[in-house]
Amino acid sequence: MHKKSDMNEYGNFRPISILPAFWKILEYLIKTKLVGYKESKLLHGFRKKKSTVTVMLEPVEAFDNLEEVIVICLDWMKVFVRVSYEKLILKLED
């Protein structure tokens, strides 16, 4: 890599390393093999082309295809407000 003026002098060049590029390629190859092997088809978070929208569309598509659909709705609103902190502290101390 040329640093300054005269290109005929050895001292005007800085060395470059291809090592980071090699490790990036190796990391990519390993990642593509492992991700495809380990990912669950039910997992939508942290996956390429998946999101909270795609997870909500699955029951709708199943319903449209006349498949059996079971939906369970939980209301987690203010769930921690109802916790008895005295009992929680006693449990944590045990």
N, C-alpha and C. Protein backbone atom coordinates (compact mmCIF):
# COMPACT_ATOMS: atom_id res chain seq x y z
N MET A 1 0.85 -1.16 0.00
CA MET A 1 0.00 0.00 0.00
C MET A 1 0.91 1.24 0.00
N HIS A 2 0.75 2.08 -0.98
CA HIS A 2 1.61 3.26 -1.13
C HIS A 2 1.28 4.30 -0.07
N LYS A 3 2.33 4.82 0.62
CA LYS A 3 2.15 5.83 1.65
C LYS A 3 2.39 7.24 1.14
N LYS A 4 3.57 7.44 0.55
CA LYS A 4 3.93 8.79 0.12
C LYS A 4 4.67 8.78 -1.20
N SER A 5 5.22 9.86 -1.57
CA SER A 5 5.69 10.23 -2.91
C SER A 5 6.36 9.15 -3.77
N ASP A 6 7.61 8.85 -3.57
CA ASP A 6 8.38 8.04 -4.52
C ASP A 6 8.00 6.56 -4.43
N MET A 7 7.46 6.03 -5.51
CA MET A 7 7.02 4.64 -5.53
C MET A 7 8.17 3.66 -5.74
N ASN A 8 9.37 4.18 -6.00
CA ASN A 8 10.53 3.31 -6.20
C ASN A 8 11.24 2.97 -4.89
N GLU A 9 10.89 3.65 -3.80
CA GLU A 9 11.52 3.39 -2.50
C GLU A 9 10.66 2.44 -1.68
N TYR A 10 11.34 1.48 -1.11
CA TYR A 10 10.67 0.45 -0.30
C TYR A 10 9.98 1.04 0.93
N GLY A 11 10.58 2.05 1.55
CA GLY A 11 10.05 2.66 2.77
C GLY A 11 8.76 3.45 2.56
N ASN A 12 8.37 3.70 1.32
CA ASN A 12 7.16 4.46 1.05
C ASN A 12 5.92 3.57 0.92
N PHE A 13 6.07 2.33 1.28
CA PHE A 13 4.93 1.40 1.22
C PHE A 13 4.66 0.84 2.61
N ARG A 14 3.43 0.60 2.91
CA ARG A 14 3.10 -0.05 4.18
C ARG A 14 2.56 -1.45 3.87
N PRO A 15 2.83 -2.39 4.74
CA PRO A 15 2.37 -3.75 4.49
C PRO A 15 0.86 -3.87 4.68
N ILE A 16 0.26 -4.78 3.98
CA ILE A 16 -1.15 -5.09 4.19
C ILE A 16 -1.26 -6.57 4.50
N SER A 17 -2.27 -6.91 5.21
CA SER A 17 -2.47 -8.31 5.60
C SER A 17 -3.79 -8.80 5.03
N ILE A 18 -3.78 -10.00 4.50
CA ILE A 18 -5.03 -10.59 4.02
C ILE A 18 -5.64 -11.49 5.09
N LEU A 19 -4.99 -11.54 6.26
CA LEU A 19 -5.49 -12.39 7.34
C LEU A 19 -6.91 -12.03 7.77
N PRO A 20 -7.25 -10.75 7.99
CA PRO A 20 -8.64 -10.45 8.36
C PRO A 20 -9.65 -10.90 7.31
N ALA A 21 -9.31 -10.77 6.05
CA ALA A 21 -10.22 -11.22 4.99
C ALA A 21 -10.40 -12.73 5.05
N PHE A 22 -9.31 -13.45 5.29
CA PHE A 22 -9.38 -14.91 5.40
C PHE A 22 -10.32 -15.31 6.54
N TRP A 23 -10.17 -14.66 7.70
CA TRP A 23 -11.01 -15.03 8.85
C TRP A 23 -12.47 -14.66 8.62
N LYS A 24 -12.73 -13.57 7.90
CA LYS A 24 -14.11 -13.21 7.59
C LYS A 24 -14.75 -14.25 6.68
N ILE A 25 -14.01 -14.71 5.70
CA ILE A 25 -14.53 -15.74 4.80
C ILE A 25 -14.77 -17.04 5.56
N LEU A 26 -13.82 -17.42 6.41
CA LEU A 26 -13.96 -18.64 7.20
C LEU A 26 -15.16 -18.54 8.15
N GLU A 27 -15.31 -17.38 8.80
CA GLU A 27 -16.44 -17.17 9.70
C GLU A 27 -17.77 -17.29 8.95
N TYR A 28 -17.84 -16.71 7.76
CA TYR A 28 -19.06 -16.77 6.96
C TYR A 28 -19.39 -18.22 6.59
N LEU A 29 -18.39 -18.98 6.18
CA LEU A 29 -18.63 -20.37 5.79
C LEU A 29 -19.12 -21.20 6.96
N ILE A 30 -18.50 -21.02 8.12
CA ILE A 30 -18.92 -21.78 9.31
C ILE A 30 -20.32 -21.36 9.73
N LYS A 31 -20.59 -20.06 9.72
CA LYS A 31 -21.90 -19.55 10.13
C LYS A 31 -23.01 -20.10 9.24
N THR A 32 -22.80 -20.10 7.93
CA THR A 32 -23.85 -20.59 7.04
C THR A 32 -24.13 -22.06 7.26
N LYS A 33 -23.12 -22.83 7.60
CA LYS A 33 -23.32 -24.26 7.88
C LYS A 33 -24.05 -24.46 9.20
N LEU A 34 -23.64 -23.73 10.25
CA LEU A 34 -24.23 -23.92 11.57
C LEU A 34 -25.64 -23.37 11.68
N VAL A 35 -25.88 -22.20 11.11
CA VAL A 35 -27.20 -21.57 11.23
C VAL A 35 -28.26 -22.43 10.57
N GLY A 36 -27.99 -22.95 9.41
CA GLY A 36 -28.95 -23.81 8.74
C GLY A 36 -29.20 -25.10 9.48
N TYR A 37 -28.22 -25.57 10.21
CA TYR A 37 -28.34 -26.83 10.94
C TYR A 37 -29.12 -26.66 12.24
N LYS A 38 -28.89 -25.58 12.96
CA LYS A 38 -29.41 -25.43 14.31
C LYS A 38 -30.73 -24.69 14.40
N GLU A 39 -31.07 -23.84 13.44
CA GLU A 39 -32.26 -23.00 13.56
C GLU A 39 -33.54 -23.82 13.56
N SER A 40 -34.42 -23.49 14.49
CA SER A 40 -35.73 -24.12 14.55
C SER A 40 -36.66 -23.40 13.59
N LYS A 41 -37.54 -24.15 12.96
CA LYS A 41 -38.50 -23.53 12.04
C LYS A 41 -39.55 -22.71 12.79
N LEU A 42 -39.68 -22.95 14.10
CA LEU A 42 -40.65 -22.21 14.89
C LEU A 42 -40.10 -20.88 15.41
N LEU A 43 -38.80 -20.71 15.35
CA LEU A 43 -38.17 -19.49 15.84
C LEU A 43 -38.29 -18.39 14.80
N HIS A 44 -38.85 -17.26 15.19
CA HIS A 44 -39.00 -16.14 14.25
C HIS A 44 -38.11 -14.97 14.60
N GLY A 45 -37.76 -14.80 15.86
CA GLY A 45 -36.89 -13.70 16.24
C GLY A 45 -35.45 -13.99 15.86
N PHE A 46 -34.72 -12.97 15.49
CA PHE A 46 -33.30 -13.05 15.17
C PHE A 46 -33.00 -13.96 13.98
N ARG A 47 -33.96 -14.09 13.06
CA ARG A 47 -33.74 -14.88 11.86
C ARG A 47 -33.95 -14.02 10.63
N LYS A 48 -33.23 -14.35 9.58
CA LYS A 48 -33.36 -13.62 8.33
C LYS A 48 -34.74 -13.87 7.73
N LYS A 49 -35.38 -12.82 7.28
CA LYS A 49 -36.71 -12.86 6.64
C LYS A 49 -37.80 -13.34 7.59
N LYS A 50 -37.60 -13.22 8.90
CA LYS A 50 -38.62 -13.58 9.89
C LYS A 50 -38.77 -12.41 10.85
N SER A 51 -39.98 -12.27 11.42
CA SER A 51 -40.22 -11.17 12.36
C SER A 51 -41.47 -11.48 13.17
N THR A 52 -41.89 -10.52 13.99
CA THR A 52 -43.13 -10.69 14.74
C THR A 52 -44.33 -10.73 13.81
N VAL A 53 -44.22 -10.11 12.67
CA VAL A 53 -45.31 -10.15 11.69
C VAL A 53 -45.46 -11.55 11.11
N THR A 54 -44.35 -12.18 10.76
CA THR A 54 -44.44 -13.52 10.17
C THR A 54 -44.96 -14.53 11.17
N VAL A 55 -44.64 -14.36 12.44
CA VAL A 55 -45.15 -15.30 13.44
C VAL A 55 -46.66 -15.13 13.62
N MET A 56 -47.17 -13.91 13.46
CA MET A 56 -48.61 -13.70 13.59
C MET A 56 -49.36 -14.15 12.34
N LEU A 57 -48.69 -14.22 11.22
CA LEU A 57 -49.34 -14.65 9.98
C LEU A 57 -49.53 -16.17 9.91
N GLU A 58 -48.74 -16.92 10.65
CA GLU A 58 -48.84 -18.38 10.59
C GLU A 58 -50.22 -18.91 10.97
N PRO A 59 -50.82 -18.48 12.10
CA PRO A 59 -52.16 -18.98 12.40
C PRO A 59 -53.21 -18.52 11.39
N VAL A 60 -53.04 -17.33 10.84
CA VAL A 60 -53.97 -16.82 9.84
C VAL A 60 -53.91 -17.70 8.59
N GLU A 61 -52.69 -18.02 8.15
CA GLU A 61 -52.54 -18.88 6.97
C GLU A 61 -53.07 -20.28 7.24
N ALA A 62 -52.84 -20.80 8.44
CA ALA A 62 -53.35 -22.13 8.79
C ALA A 62 -54.88 -22.12 8.79
N PHE A 63 -55.47 -21.06 9.32
CA PHE A 63 -56.93 -20.93 9.33
C PHE A 63 -57.47 -20.87 7.90
N ASP A 64 -56.79 -20.12 7.05
CA ASP A 64 -57.20 -20.02 5.64
C ASP A 64 -57.12 -21.36 4.92
N ASN A 65 -56.18 -22.20 5.34
CA ASN A 65 -56.01 -23.53 4.73
C ASN A 65 -56.87 -24.59 5.42
N LEU A 66 -57.80 -24.14 6.26
CA LEU A 66 -58.73 -25.01 6.99
C LEU A 66 -58.01 -26.01 7.90
N GLU A 67 -56.87 -25.61 8.43
CA GLU A 67 -56.15 -26.43 9.39
C GLU A 67 -56.65 -26.10 10.79
N GLU A 68 -56.42 -27.02 11.73
CA GLU A 68 -56.82 -26.78 13.11
C GLU A 68 -55.89 -25.73 13.72
N VAL A 69 -56.49 -24.72 14.35
CA VAL A 69 -55.73 -23.63 14.93
C VAL A 69 -56.14 -23.47 16.39
N ILE A 70 -55.17 -23.46 17.27
CA ILE A 70 -55.41 -23.20 18.69
C ILE A 70 -54.65 -21.93 19.05
N VAL A 71 -55.37 -20.97 19.59
CA VAL A 71 -54.76 -19.70 19.96
C VAL A 71 -54.96 -19.50 21.46
N ILE A 72 -53.88 -19.22 22.15
CA ILE A 72 -53.94 -18.93 23.59
C ILE A 72 -53.46 -17.50 23.77
N CYS A 73 -54.29 -16.69 24.40
CA CYS A 73 -53.94 -15.29 24.64
C CYS A 73 -53.69 -15.09 26.13
N LEU A 74 -52.58 -14.50 26.46
CA LEU A 74 -52.24 -14.21 27.85
C LEU A 74 -52.10 -12.70 28.00
N ASP A 75 -52.64 -12.19 29.07
CA ASP A 75 -52.52 -10.77 29.35
C ASP A 75 -51.43 -10.58 30.39
N TRP A 76 -50.27 -10.14 29.94
CA TRP A 76 -49.14 -9.96 30.84
C TRP A 76 -49.04 -8.52 31.35
N MET A 77 -50.05 -7.74 31.10
CA MET A 77 -50.05 -6.35 31.52
C MET A 77 -49.98 -6.26 33.04
N LYS A 78 -49.08 -5.51 33.55
CA LYS A 78 -48.91 -5.28 34.99
C LYS A 78 -48.71 -6.58 35.77
N VAL A 79 -48.13 -7.57 35.15
CA VAL A 79 -47.94 -8.84 35.83
C VAL A 79 -46.99 -8.70 37.02
N PHE A 80 -46.00 -7.83 36.92
CA PHE A 80 -45.05 -7.69 38.02
C PHE A 80 -45.53 -6.72 39.09
N VAL A 81 -46.58 -5.98 38.82
CA VAL A 81 -47.15 -5.10 39.83
C VAL A 81 -47.85 -5.93 40.91
N ARG A 82 -48.37 -7.08 40.51
CA ARG A 82 -49.12 -7.93 41.43
C ARG A 82 -48.23 -8.88 42.24
N VAL A 83 -46.94 -8.82 42.02
CA VAL A 83 -46.02 -9.70 42.74
C VAL A 83 -45.85 -9.19 44.17
N SER A 84 -45.94 -10.11 45.12
CA SER A 84 -45.67 -9.76 46.51
C SER A 84 -44.16 -9.70 46.68
N TYR A 85 -43.63 -8.50 46.82
CA TYR A 85 -42.18 -8.35 46.90
C TYR A 85 -41.61 -8.95 48.18
N GLU A 86 -42.40 -8.95 49.25
CA GLU A 86 -41.93 -9.56 50.50
C GLU A 86 -41.72 -11.06 50.30
N LYS A 87 -42.68 -11.73 49.65
CA LYS A 87 -42.55 -13.17 49.39
C LYS A 87 -41.42 -13.44 48.41
N LEU A 88 -41.26 -12.57 47.43
CA LEU A 88 -40.20 -12.73 46.45
C LEU A 88 -38.83 -12.64 47.11
N ILE A 89 -38.65 -11.66 47.99
CA ILE A 89 -37.38 -11.50 48.69
C ILE A 89 -37.10 -12.70 49.58
N LEU A 90 -38.14 -13.20 50.27
CA LEU A 90 -37.96 -14.39 51.11
C LEU A 90 -37.53 -15.59 50.27
N LYS A 91 -38.13 -15.77 49.11
CA LYS A 91 -37.76 -16.88 48.23
C LYS A 91 -36.33 -16.74 47.73
N LEU A 92 -35.94 -15.52 47.39
CA LEU A 92 -34.59 -15.30 46.89
C LEU A 92 -33.53 -15.49 47.98
N GLU A 93 -33.90 -15.20 49.22
CA GLU A 93 -32.95 -15.38 50.32
C GLU A 93 -32.74 -16.85 50.66
N ASP A 94 -33.72 -17.71 50.36
CA ASP A 94 -33.60 -19.14 50.69
C ASP A 94 -32.59 -19.84 49.84
